[in-house]
């Protein structure tokens, strides 16, 4: 049974093709974590809505900050060891999806 599962998994993974990749230049702003977080809270009134990392022991994590009134959002990556956070992407006009909103 295990051999069948492995063979099936290998077959499925061999048939997966990746889409064409692309490069883009996006300015990434990095600063002391406390400075970044204070700016998001004080200047944009954003609140943290999501935090994720590779695993619980990882010292690098990604957060999503939003302001539901203005629609602004910011994706931040933080290195806990370095005490540095970088703004990866930000925007305005975002909205929250719920499972009923997603059509497959």
Protein backbone atom coordinates (compact mmCIF):
# COMPACT_ATOMS: atom_id res chain seq x y z
CA UNK A 1 0.00 0.00 0.00
CA UNK A 2 2.82 2.43 0.86
CA UNK A 3 4.59 1.67 -2.44
CA UNK A 4 1.38 2.41 -4.34
CA UNK A 5 0.98 5.72 -2.53
CA UNK A 6 4.59 6.74 -3.26
CA UNK A 7 4.29 5.74 -6.93
CA UNK A 8 1.04 7.70 -7.24
CA UNK A 9 2.56 10.74 -5.54
CA UNK A 10 5.60 10.64 -7.82
CA UNK A 11 3.40 10.32 -10.88
CA UNK A 12 1.24 13.25 -9.84
CA UNK A 13 4.21 15.45 -9.02
CA UNK A 14 5.90 14.60 -12.32
CA UNK A 15 2.83 15.83 -14.22
CA UNK A 16 2.75 19.23 -12.50
CA UNK A 17 4.16 22.05 -14.59
CA UNK A 18 5.01 25.48 -13.30
CA UNK A 19 3.70 28.61 -14.95
CA UNK A 20 6.14 30.98 -16.58
CA UNK A 21 7.98 33.04 -14.03
CA UNK A 22 8.52 36.78 -14.17
CA UNK A 23 10.58 39.41 -12.43
CA UNK A 24 9.44 42.77 -11.22
CA UNK A 25 11.03 45.59 -9.33
CA UNK A 26 9.14 46.48 -6.19
CA UNK A 27 10.63 48.84 -3.64
CA UNK A 28 11.12 47.09 -0.31
CA UNK A 29 11.41 49.36 2.71
CA UNK A 30 13.12 47.92 5.79
CA UNK A 31 13.59 49.47 9.21
CA UNK A 32 13.71 48.69 12.90
CA UNK A 33 10.63 46.56 13.70
CA UNK A 34 9.26 48.96 16.31
CA UNK A 35 9.47 51.86 13.82
CA UNK A 36 7.63 49.90 11.13
CA UNK A 37 4.88 48.71 13.48
CA UNK A 38 4.39 52.15 15.03
CA UNK A 39 4.04 53.62 11.53
CA UNK A 40 1.42 51.08 10.52
CA UNK A 41 -0.54 51.67 13.70
CA UNK A 42 -0.17 55.46 14.06
CA UNK A 43 -0.03 56.70 10.46
CA UNK A 44 -2.37 54.21 8.79
CA UNK A 45 -4.41 52.91 11.76
CA UNK A 46 -3.78 49.39 10.52
CA UNK A 47 -4.19 46.35 12.73
CA UNK A 48 -2.55 42.96 12.39
CA UNK A 49 -4.97 40.43 10.92
CA UNK A 50 -2.71 37.48 10.08
CA UNK A 51 0.66 36.12 11.14
CA UNK A 52 2.38 33.11 9.62
CA UNK A 53 5.74 31.40 9.52
CA UNK A 54 7.25 28.25 8.11
CA UNK A 55 6.94 26.58 11.51
CA UNK A 56 6.68 27.58 15.16
CA UNK A 57 10.46 27.69 15.63
CA UNK A 58 11.06 30.00 12.66
CA UNK A 59 12.33 33.47 13.58
CA UNK A 60 11.12 35.01 10.31
CA UNK A 61 7.41 35.56 9.90
CA UNK A 62 4.97 37.32 7.60
CA UNK A 63 2.10 39.51 8.75
CA UNK A 64 -0.87 41.15 7.08
CA UNK A 65 -2.02 44.50 8.43
CA UNK A 66 -5.30 46.15 7.38
CA UNK A 67 -7.52 49.13 8.07
CA UNK A 68 -11.12 48.08 7.39
CA UNK A 69 -12.35 51.69 7.29
CA UNK A 70 -9.91 52.99 4.66
CA UNK A 71 -9.23 49.70 2.87
CA UNK A 72 -5.45 50.02 3.21
CA UNK A 73 -3.37 46.89 3.67
CA UNK A 74 0.31 46.04 4.14
CA UNK A 75 2.29 42.80 3.96
CA UNK A 76 5.30 42.79 6.28
CA UNK A 77 8.09 40.26 6.73
CA UNK A 78 9.93 40.39 10.06
CA UNK A 79 13.17 38.86 11.27
CA UNK A 80 12.84 38.46 15.01
CA UNK A 81 16.59 37.76 15.35
CA UNK A 82 17.61 40.92 13.47
CA UNK A 83 14.84 43.14 14.85
CA UNK A 84 14.09 44.30 11.31
CA UNK A 85 10.81 44.42 9.41
CA UNK A 86 10.36 45.00 5.68
CA UNK A 87 7.28 46.28 3.88
CA UNK A 88 6.86 43.88 0.96
CA UNK A 89 3.65 45.23 -0.53
CA UNK A 90 0.98 47.74 0.35
CA UNK A 91 -2.18 48.98 -1.23
CA UNK A 92 -5.62 50.46 -0.90
CA UNK A 93 -8.96 49.05 -1.83
CA UNK A 94 -8.58 45.56 -0.48
CA UNK A 95 -11.44 43.61 1.02
CA UNK A 96 -11.78 40.48 3.10
CA UNK A 97 -12.97 37.28 1.49
CA UNK A 98 -15.07 34.74 3.28
CA UNK A 99 -15.40 31.11 2.25
CA UNK A 100 -18.81 31.82 0.66
CA UNK A 101 -17.17 34.47 -1.57
CA UNK A 102 -14.72 32.03 -3.16
CA UNK A 103 -16.02 30.19 -6.20
CA UNK A 104 -14.07 27.20 -7.47
